[in-house]
PDB file of N, CA and C in Angstrom:
ATOM      1  N   MET A   1      11.498 142.774  36.315  1.00  0.00           N
ATOM      2  CA  MET A   1      10.336 141.915  36.209  1.00  0.00           C
ATOM      3  C   MET A   1      10.822 140.538  35.713  1.00  0.00           C
ATOM      4  N   ASP A   2      10.287 139.467  36.286  1.00  0.00           N
ATOM      5  CA  ASP A   2      10.733 138.135  35.863  1.00  0.00           C
ATOM      6  C   ASP A   2      10.053 137.709  34.557  1.00  0.00           C
ATOM      7  N   GLN A   3      10.592 136.653  33.950  1.00  0.00           N
ATOM      8  CA  GLN A   3      10.131 136.204  32.629  1.00  0.00           C
ATOM      9  C   GLN A   3       8.637 135.863  32.609  1.00  0.00           C
ATOM     10  N   ASN A   4       8.154 135.198  33.643  1.00  0.00           N
ATOM     11  CA  ASN A   4       6.736 134.828  33.663  1.00  0.00           C
ATOM     12  C   ASN A   4       5.829 136.053  33.685  1.00  0.00           C
ATOM     13  N   ARG A   5       6.180 137.034  34.481  1.00  0.00           N
ATOM     14  CA  ARG A   5       5.385 138.271  34.534  1.00  0.00           C
ATOM     15  C   ARG A   5       5.453 139.025  33.211  1.00  0.00           C
ATOM     16  N   LEU A   6       6.630 139.036  32.606  1.00  0.00           N
ATOM     17  CA  LEU A   6       6.782 139.692  31.309  1.00  0.00           C
ATOM     18  C   LEU A   6       5.929 139.006  30.248  1.00  0.00           C
ATOM     19  N   ARG A   7       5.961 137.671  30.234  1.00  0.00           N
ATOM     20  CA  ARG A   7       5.131 136.936  29.270  1.00  0.00           C
ATOM     21  C   ARG A   7       3.662 137.262  29.477  1.00  0.00           C
ATOM     22  N   TRP A   8       3.236 137.291  30.724  1.00  0.00           N
ATOM     23  CA  TRP A   8       1.831 137.588  31.029  1.00  0.00           C
ATOM     24  C   TRP A   8       1.481 139.021  30.614  1.00  0.00           C
ATOM     25  N   ALA A   9       2.336 139.977  30.922  1.00  0.00           N
ATOM     26  CA  ALA A   9       2.087 141.379  30.570  1.00  0.00           C
ATOM     27  C   ALA A   9       2.128 141.599  29.056  1.00  0.00           C
ATOM     28  N   SER A  10       2.829 140.724  28.342  1.00  0.00           N
ATOM     29  CA  SER A  10       2.936 140.843  26.883  1.00  0.00           C
ATOM     30  C   SER A  10       1.714 140.310  26.160  1.00  0.00           C
ATOM     31  N   ARG A  11       0.886 139.582  26.862  1.00  0.00           N
ATOM     32  CA  ARG A  11      -0.343 139.060  26.249  1.00  0.00           C
ATOM     33  C   ARG A  11      -1.392 140.162  26.299  1.00  0.00           C
ATOM     34  N   ARG A  12      -1.752 140.637  25.129  1.00  0.00           N
ATOM     35  CA  ARG A  12      -2.663 141.755  25.018  1.00  0.00           C
ATOM     36  C   ARG A  12      -3.965 141.300  24.399  1.00  0.00           C
ATOM     37  N   GLY A  13      -4.787 142.240  23.973  1.00  0.00           N
ATOM     38  CA  GLY A  13      -6.058 141.902  23.360  1.00  0.00           C
ATOM     39  C   GLY A  13      -5.995 141.706  21.858  1.00  0.00           C
ATOM     40  N   MET A  14      -4.819 141.867  21.278  1.00  0.00           N
ATOM     41  CA  MET A  14      -4.674 141.745  19.827  1.00  0.00           C
ATOM     42  C   MET A  14      -3.614 140.703  19.511  1.00  0.00           C
ATOM     43  N   LEU A  15      -3.915 139.813  18.594  1.00  0.00           N
ATOM     44  CA  LEU A  15      -2.981 138.756  18.219  1.00  0.00           C
ATOM     45  C   LEU A  15      -1.643 139.325  17.758  1.00  0.00           C
ATOM     46  N   GLU A  16      -1.681 140.383  16.964  1.00  0.00           N
ATOM     47  CA  GLU A  16      -0.444 140.973  16.440  1.00  0.00           C
ATOM     48  C   GLU A  16       0.473 141.426  17.572  1.00  0.00           C
ATOM     49  N   LEU A  17      -0.110 142.079  18.579  1.00  0.00           N
ATOM     50  CA  LEU A  17       0.685 142.535  19.722  1.00  0.00           C
ATOM     51  C   LEU A  17       1.219 141.346  20.511  1.00  0.00           C
ATOM     52  N   ASP A  18       0.362 140.355  20.735  1.00  0.00           N
ATOM     53  CA  ASP A  18       0.796 139.158  21.458  1.00  0.00           C
ATOM     54  C   ASP A  18       2.017 138.548  20.789  1.00  0.00           C
ATOM     55  N   LEU A  19       1.952 138.384  19.486  1.00  0.00           N
ATOM     56  CA  LEU A  19       3.048 137.743  18.755  1.00  0.00           C
ATOM     57  C   LEU A  19       4.340 138.544  18.839  1.00  0.00           C
ATOM     58  N   LEU A  20       4.259 139.833  18.630  1.00  0.00           N
ATOM     59  CA  LEU A  20       5.463 140.666  18.668  1.00  0.00           C
ATOM     60  C   LEU A  20       6.057 140.756  20.071  1.00  0.00           C
ATOM     61  N   LEU A  21       5.218 141.047  21.037  1.00  0.00           N
ATOM     62  CA  LEU A  21       5.722 141.264  22.393  1.00  0.00           C
ATOM     63  C   LEU A  21       6.234 139.984  23.029  1.00  0.00           C
ATOM     64  N   THR A  22       5.514 138.874  22.867  1.00  0.00           N
ATOM     65  CA  THR A  22       5.987 137.622  23.463  1.00  0.00           C
ATOM     66  C   THR A  22       7.231 137.102  22.753  1.00  0.00           C
ATOM     67  N   THR A  23       7.325 137.323  21.450  1.00  0.00           N
ATOM     68  CA  THR A  23       8.544 136.935  20.735  1.00  0.00           C
ATOM     69  C   THR A  23       9.736 137.695  21.294  1.00  0.00           C
ATOM     70  N   PHE A  24       9.566 138.980  21.545  1.00  0.00           N
ATOM     71  CA  PHE A  24      10.665 139.760  22.120  1.00  0.00           C
ATOM     72  C   PHE A  24      11.034 139.234  23.505  1.00  0.00           C
ATOM     73  N   VAL A  25      10.041 138.936  24.336  1.00  0.00           N
ATOM     74  CA  VAL A  25      10.330 138.428  25.681  1.00  0.00           C
ATOM     75  C   VAL A  25      11.118 137.126  25.587  1.00  0.00           C
ATOM     76  N   GLU A  26      10.718 136.247  24.700  1.00  0.00           N
ATOM     77  CA  GLU A  26      11.347 134.937  24.603  1.00  0.00           C
ATOM     78  C   GLU A  26      12.709 134.963  23.911  1.00  0.00           C
ATOM     79  N   ARG A  27      12.918 135.881  22.970  1.00  0.00           N
ATOM     80  CA  ARG A  27      14.138 135.835  22.160  1.00  0.00           C
ATOM     81  C   ARG A  27      15.078 137.021  22.320  1.00  0.00           C
ATOM     82  N   GLY A  28      14.610 138.118  22.914  1.00  0.00           N
ATOM     83  CA  GLY A  28      15.472 139.286  22.952  1.00  0.00           C
ATOM     84  C   GLY A  28      15.604 139.986  24.287  1.00  0.00           C
ATOM     85  N   TYR A  29      14.658 139.775  25.173  1.00  0.00           N
ATOM     86  CA  TYR A  29      14.652 140.534  26.430  1.00  0.00           C
ATOM     87  C   TYR A  29      15.904 140.285  27.264  1.00  0.00           C
ATOM     88  N   ALA A  30      16.287 139.027  27.439  1.00  0.00           N
ATOM     89  CA  ALA A  30      17.431 138.696  28.295  1.00  0.00           C
ATOM     90  C   ALA A  30      18.721 139.345  27.807  1.00  0.00           C
ATOM     91  N   GLU A  31      18.872 139.478  26.498  1.00  0.00           N
ATOM     92  CA  GLU A  31      20.089 140.053  25.920  1.00  0.00           C
ATOM     93  C   GLU A  31      19.987 141.558  25.696  1.00  0.00           C
ATOM     94  N   ALA A  32      18.847 142.139  25.994  1.00  0.00           N
ATOM     95  CA  ALA A  32      18.605 143.544  25.668  1.00  0.00           C
ATOM     96  C   ALA A  32      19.391 144.517  26.531  1.00  0.00           C
ATOM     97  N   GLY A  33      19.840 144.103  27.674  1.00  0.00           N
ATOM     98  CA  GLY A  33      20.556 144.998  28.570  1.00  0.00           C
ATOM     99  C   GLY A  33      19.595 145.772  29.457  1.00  0.00           C
ATOM    100  N   PRO A  34      20.071 146.262  30.580  1.00  0.00           N
ATOM    101  CA  PRO A  34      19.203 146.909  31.571  1.00  0.00           C
ATOM    102  C   PRO A  34      18.424 148.119  31.036  1.00  0.00           C
ATOM    103  N   GLU A  35      19.053 148.919  30.197  1.00  0.00           N
ATOM    104  CA  GLU A  35      18.383 150.114  29.686  1.00  0.00           C
ATOM    105  C   GLU A  35      17.191 149.736  28.808  1.00  0.00           C
ATOM    106  N   ASN A  36      17.388 148.809  27.884  1.00  0.00           N
ATOM    107  CA  ASN A  36      16.291 148.396  27.014  1.00  0.00           C
ATOM    108  C   ASN A  36      15.255 147.548  27.754  1.00  0.00           C
ATOM    109  N   GLN A  37      15.690 146.815  28.766  1.00  0.00           N
ATOM    110  CA  GLN A  37      14.727 146.081  29.578  1.00  0.00           C
ATOM    111  C   GLN A  37      13.782 147.050  30.294  1.00  0.00           C
ATOM    112  N   ALA A  38      14.341 148.123  30.837  1.00  0.00           N
ATOM    113  CA  ALA A  38      13.514 149.138  31.494  1.00  0.00           C
ATOM    114  C   ALA A  38      12.587 149.811  30.484  1.00  0.00           C
ATOM    115  N   ARG A  39      13.100 150.079  29.297  1.00  0.00           N
ATOM    116  CA  ARG A  39      12.273 150.671  28.241  1.00  0.00           C
ATOM    117  C   ARG A  39      11.123 149.735  27.860  1.00  0.00           C
ATOM    118  N   PHE A  40      11.411 148.435  27.776  1.00  0.00           N
ATOM    119  CA  PHE A  40      10.372 147.470  27.418  1.00  0.00           C
ATOM    120  C   PHE A  40       9.273 147.451  28.477  1.00  0.00           C
ATOM    121  N   GLU A  41       9.651 147.533  29.725  1.00  0.00           N
ATOM    122  CA  GLU A  41       8.649 147.564  30.792  1.00  0.00           C
ATOM    123  C   GLU A  41       7.798 148.823  30.691  1.00  0.00           C
ATOM    124  N   LEU A  42       8.387 149.943  30.306  1.00  0.00           N
ATOM    125  CA  LEU A  42       7.608 151.167  30.054  1.00  0.00           C
ATOM    126  C   LEU A  42       6.663 150.972  28.877  1.00  0.00           C
ATOM    127  N   LEU A  43       7.147 150.294  27.851  1.00  0.00           N
ATOM    128  CA  LEU A  43       6.330 150.027  26.667  1.00  0.00           C
ATOM    129  C   LEU A  43       5.098 149.205  27.044  1.00  0.00           C
ATOM    130  N   LEU A  44       5.280 148.233  27.917  1.00  0.00           N
ATOM    131  CA  LEU A  44       4.162 147.386  28.331  1.00  0.00           C
ATOM    132  C   LEU A  44       3.080 148.155  29.087  1.00  0.00           C
ATOM    133  N   ALA A  45       3.432 149.304  29.633  1.00  0.00           N
ATOM    134  CA  ALA A  45       2.456 150.122  30.357  1.00  0.00           C
ATOM    135  C   ALA A  45       1.595 150.966  29.418  1.00  0.00           C
ATOM    136  N   CYS A  46       1.925 150.976  28.141  1.00  0.00           N
ATOM    137  CA  CYS A  46       1.195 151.794  27.169  1.00  0.00           C
ATOM    138  C   CYS A  46      -0.099 151.111  26.730  1.00  0.00           C
ATOM    139  N   GLU A  47      -0.991 151.909  26.178  1.00  0.00           N
ATOM    140  CA  GLU A  47      -2.278 151.414  25.691  1.00  0.00           C
ATOM    141  C   GLU A  47      -2.096 150.587  24.423  1.00  0.00           C
ATOM    142  N   ASP A  48      -2.951 149.568  24.277  1.00  0.00           N
ATOM    143  CA  ASP A  48      -2.862 148.668  23.131  1.00  0.00           C
ATOM    144  C   ASP A  48      -2.941 149.405  21.791  1.00  0.00           C
ATOM    145  N   GLN A  49      -3.852 150.347  21.665  1.00  0.00           N
ATOM    146  CA  GLN A  49      -3.999 151.029  20.382  1.00  0.00           C
ATOM    147  C   GLN A  49      -2.760 151.839  20.032  1.00  0.00           C
ATOM    148  N   ASP A  50      -2.087 152.390  21.032  1.00  0.00           N
ATOM    149  CA  ASP A  50      -0.825 153.094  20.784  1.00  0.00           C
ATOM    150  C   ASP A  50       0.257 152.103  20.356  1.00  0.00           C
ATOM    151  N   LEU A  51       0.367 151.007  21.109  1.00  0.00           N
ATOM    152  CA  LEU A  51       1.356 149.977  20.772  1.00  0.00           C
ATOM    153  C   LEU A  51       1.166 149.462  19.350  1.00  0.00           C
ATOM    154  N   PHE A  52      -0.067 149.203  19.003  1.00  0.00           N
ATOM    155  CA  PHE A  52      -0.361 148.690  17.665  1.00  0.00           C
ATOM    156  C   PHE A  52       0.117 149.666  16.593  1.00  0.00           C
ATOM    157  N   GLY A  53      -0.189 150.924  16.753  1.00  0.00           N
ATOM    158  CA  GLY A  53       0.241 151.933  15.781  1.00  0.00           C
ATOM    159  C   GLY A  53       1.749 152.022  15.672  1.00  0.00           C
ATOM    160  N   TRP A  54       2.426 152.000  16.810  1.00  0.00           N
ATOM    161  CA  TRP A  54       3.886 152.104  16.807  1.00  0.00           C
ATOM    162  C   TRP A  54       4.535 150.876  16.196  1.00  0.00           C
ATOM    163  N   LEU A  55       4.079 149.694  16.599  1.00  0.00           N
ATOM    164  CA  LEU A  55       4.701 148.454  16.131  1.00  0.00           C
ATOM    165  C   LEU A  55       4.365 148.123  14.684  1.00  0.00           C
ATOM    166  N   MET A  56       3.253 148.650  14.195  1.00  0.00           N
ATOM    167  CA  MET A  56       2.891 148.442  12.796  1.00  0.00           C
ATOM    168  C   MET A  56       3.442 149.550  11.896  1.00  0.00           C
ATOM    169  N   GLY A  57       4.102 150.544  12.484  1.00  0.00           N
ATOM    170  CA  GLY A  57       4.703 151.622  11.725  1.00  0.00           C
ATOM    171  C   GLY A  57       3.718 152.661  11.230  1.00  0.00           C
ATOM    172  N   ARG A  58       2.539 152.686  11.801  1.00  0.00           N
ATOM    173  CA  ARG A  58       1.520 153.655  11.380  1.00  0.00           C
ATOM    174  C   ARG A  58       1.688 155.003  12.050  1.00  0.00           C
ATOM    175  N   THR A  59       2.192 154.983  13.274  1.00  0.00           N
ATOM    176  CA  THR A  59       2.463 156.209  14.017  1.00  0.00           C
ATOM    177  C   THR A  59       3.808 156.058  14.708  1.00  0.00           C
ATOM    178  N   GLU A  60       4.301 157.139  15.247  1.00  0.00           N
ATOM    179  CA  GLU A  60       5.579 157.130  15.941  1.00  0.00           C
ATOM    180  C   GLU A  60       5.346 157.419  17.413  1.00  0.00           C
ATOM    181  N   ALA A  61       6.030 156.701  18.263  1.00  0.00           N
ATOM    182  CA  ALA A  61       5.922 156.931  19.702  1.00  0.00           C
ATOM    183  C   ALA A  61       6.382 158.357  20.029  1.00  0.00           C
ATOM    184  N   PRO A  62       5.736 159.004  20.996  1.00  0.00           N
ATOM    185  CA  PRO A  62       6.060 160.396  21.309  1.00  0.00           C
ATOM    186  C   PRO A  62       7.378 160.574  22.056  1.00  0.00           C
ATOM    187  N   ASP A  63       7.898 159.521  22.613  1.00  0.00           N
ATOM    188  CA  ASP A  63       9.072 159.590  23.467  1.00  0.00           C
ATOM    189  C   ASP A  63      10.244 158.850  22.806  1.00  0.00           C
ATOM    190  N   ALA A  64      11.436 159.387  22.925  1.00  0.00           N
ATOM    191  CA  ALA A  64      12.621 158.785  22.301  1.00  0.00           C
ATOM    192  C   ALA A  64      12.913 157.388  22.853  1.00  0.00           C
ATOM    193  N   ASP A  65      12.717 157.183  24.150  1.00  0.00           N
ATOM    194  CA  ASP A  65      12.946 155.861  24.730  1.00  0.00           C
ATOM    195  C   ASP A  65      11.969 154.838  24.163  1.00  0.00           C
ATOM    196  N   LEU A  66      10.728 155.230  24.001  1.00  0.00           N
ATOM    197  CA  LEU A  66       9.738 154.320  23.428  1.00  0.00           C
ATOM    198  C   LEU A  66      10.048 154.026  21.965  1.00  0.00           C
ATOM    199  N   ARG A  67      10.469 155.037  21.224  1.00  0.00           N
ATOM    200  CA  ARG A  67      10.847 154.809  19.825  1.00  0.00           C
ATOM    201  C   ARG A  67      12.026 153.844  19.742  1.00  0.00           C
ATOM    202  N   ALA A  68      12.969 153.982  20.669  1.00  0.00           N
ATOM    203  CA  ALA A  68      14.146 153.109  20.672  1.00  0.00           C
ATOM    204  C   ALA A  68      13.754 151.654  20.938  1.00  0.00           C
ATOM    205  N   ILE A  69      12.898 151.413  21.906  1.00  0.00           N
ATOM    206  CA  ILE A  69      12.537 150.037  22.228  1.00  0.00           C
ATOM    207  C   ILE A  69      11.621 149.446  21.166  1.00  0.00           C
ATOM    208  N   VAL A  70      10.803 150.245  20.538  1.00  0.00           N
ATOM    209  CA  VAL A  70       9.992 149.746  19.421  1.00  0.00           C
ATOM    210  C   VAL A  70      10.918 149.230  18.326  1.00  0.00           C
ATOM    211  N   ALA A  71      11.964 149.961  18.025  1.00  0.00           N
ATOM    212  CA  ALA A  71      12.918 149.541  17.000  1.00  0.00           C
ATOM    213  C   ALA A  71      13.609 148.238  17.399  1.00  0.00           C
ATOM    214  N   VAL A  72      13.971 148.106  18.658  1.00  0.00           N
ATOM    215  CA  VAL A  72      14.633 146.892  19.141  1.00  0.00           C
ATOM    216  C   VAL A  72      13.682 145.700  19.047  1.00  0.00           C
ATOM    217  N   VAL A  73      12.444 145.887  19.495  1.00  0.00           N
ATOM    218  CA  VAL A  73      11.447 144.802  19.430  1.00  0.00           C
ATOM    219  C   VAL A  73      11.259 144.351  17.981  1.00  0.00           C
ATOM    220  N   LEU A  74      11.110 145.297  17.075  1.00  0.00           N
ATOM    221  CA  LEU A  74      10.915 144.943  15.679  1.00  0.00           C
ATOM    222  C   LEU A  74      12.124 144.241  15.088  1.00  0.00           C
ATOM    223  N   ASP A  75      13.328 144.666  15.460  1.00  0.00           N
ATOM    224  CA  ASP A  75      14.545 144.010  14.977  1.00  0.00           C
ATOM    225  C   ASP A  75      14.602 142.556  15.443  1.00  0.00           C
ATOM    226  N   VAL A  76      14.294 142.327  16.715  1.00  0.00           N
ATOM    227  CA  VAL A  76      14.314 140.964  17.258  1.00  0.00           C
ATOM    228  C   VAL A  76      13.269 140.107  16.552  1.00  0.00           C
ATOM    229  N   CYS A  77      12.090 140.667  16.344  1.00  0.00           N
ATOM    230  CA  CYS A  77      11.005 139.900  15.712  1.00  0.00           C
ATOM    231  C   CYS A  77      11.319 139.607  14.246  1.00  0.00           C
ATOM    232  N   ARG A  78      11.944 140.520  13.562  1.00  0.00           N
ATOM    233  CA  ARG A  78      12.322 140.279  12.160  1.00  0.00           C
ATOM    234  C   ARG A  78      13.373 139.183  12.053  1.00  0.00           C
ATOM    235  N   ALA A  79      14.251 139.099  13.036  1.00  0.00           N
ATOM    236  CA  ALA A  79      15.322 138.095  13.026  1.00  0.00           C
ATOM    237  C   ALA A  79      14.848 136.722  13.490  1.00  0.00           C
ATOM    238  N   ALA A  80      13.689 136.666  14.117  1.00  0.00           N
ATOM    239  CA  ALA A  80      13.175 135.386  14.630  1.00  0.00           C
ATOM    240  C   ALA A  80      12.763 134.478  13.477  1.00  0.00           C
ATOM    241  N   PRO A  81      13.085 133.188  13.624  1.00  0.00           N
ATOM    242  CA  PRO A  81      12.714 132.236  12.554  1.00  0.00           C
ATOM    243  C   PRO A  81      11.213 131.999  12.490  1.00  0.00           C
TER     244      PRO A  81
END
């Protein structure tokens, strides 16, 4: 998926999700490697309420790949200025 489509798909109905997901697209997606890029695209297909719980640390994603990309997204966002 190209950067513009990723940015658009990262814009959700919640400000918190928008900030985390778009920050990852802008600062971490290109360097994430093919495996994590594919995982991120799977993450974008998930429901907002699930994403919110996972990214806020309230719940854990049911799948190991989703848990892995959630950790990567959070690491990139924590490192962002």
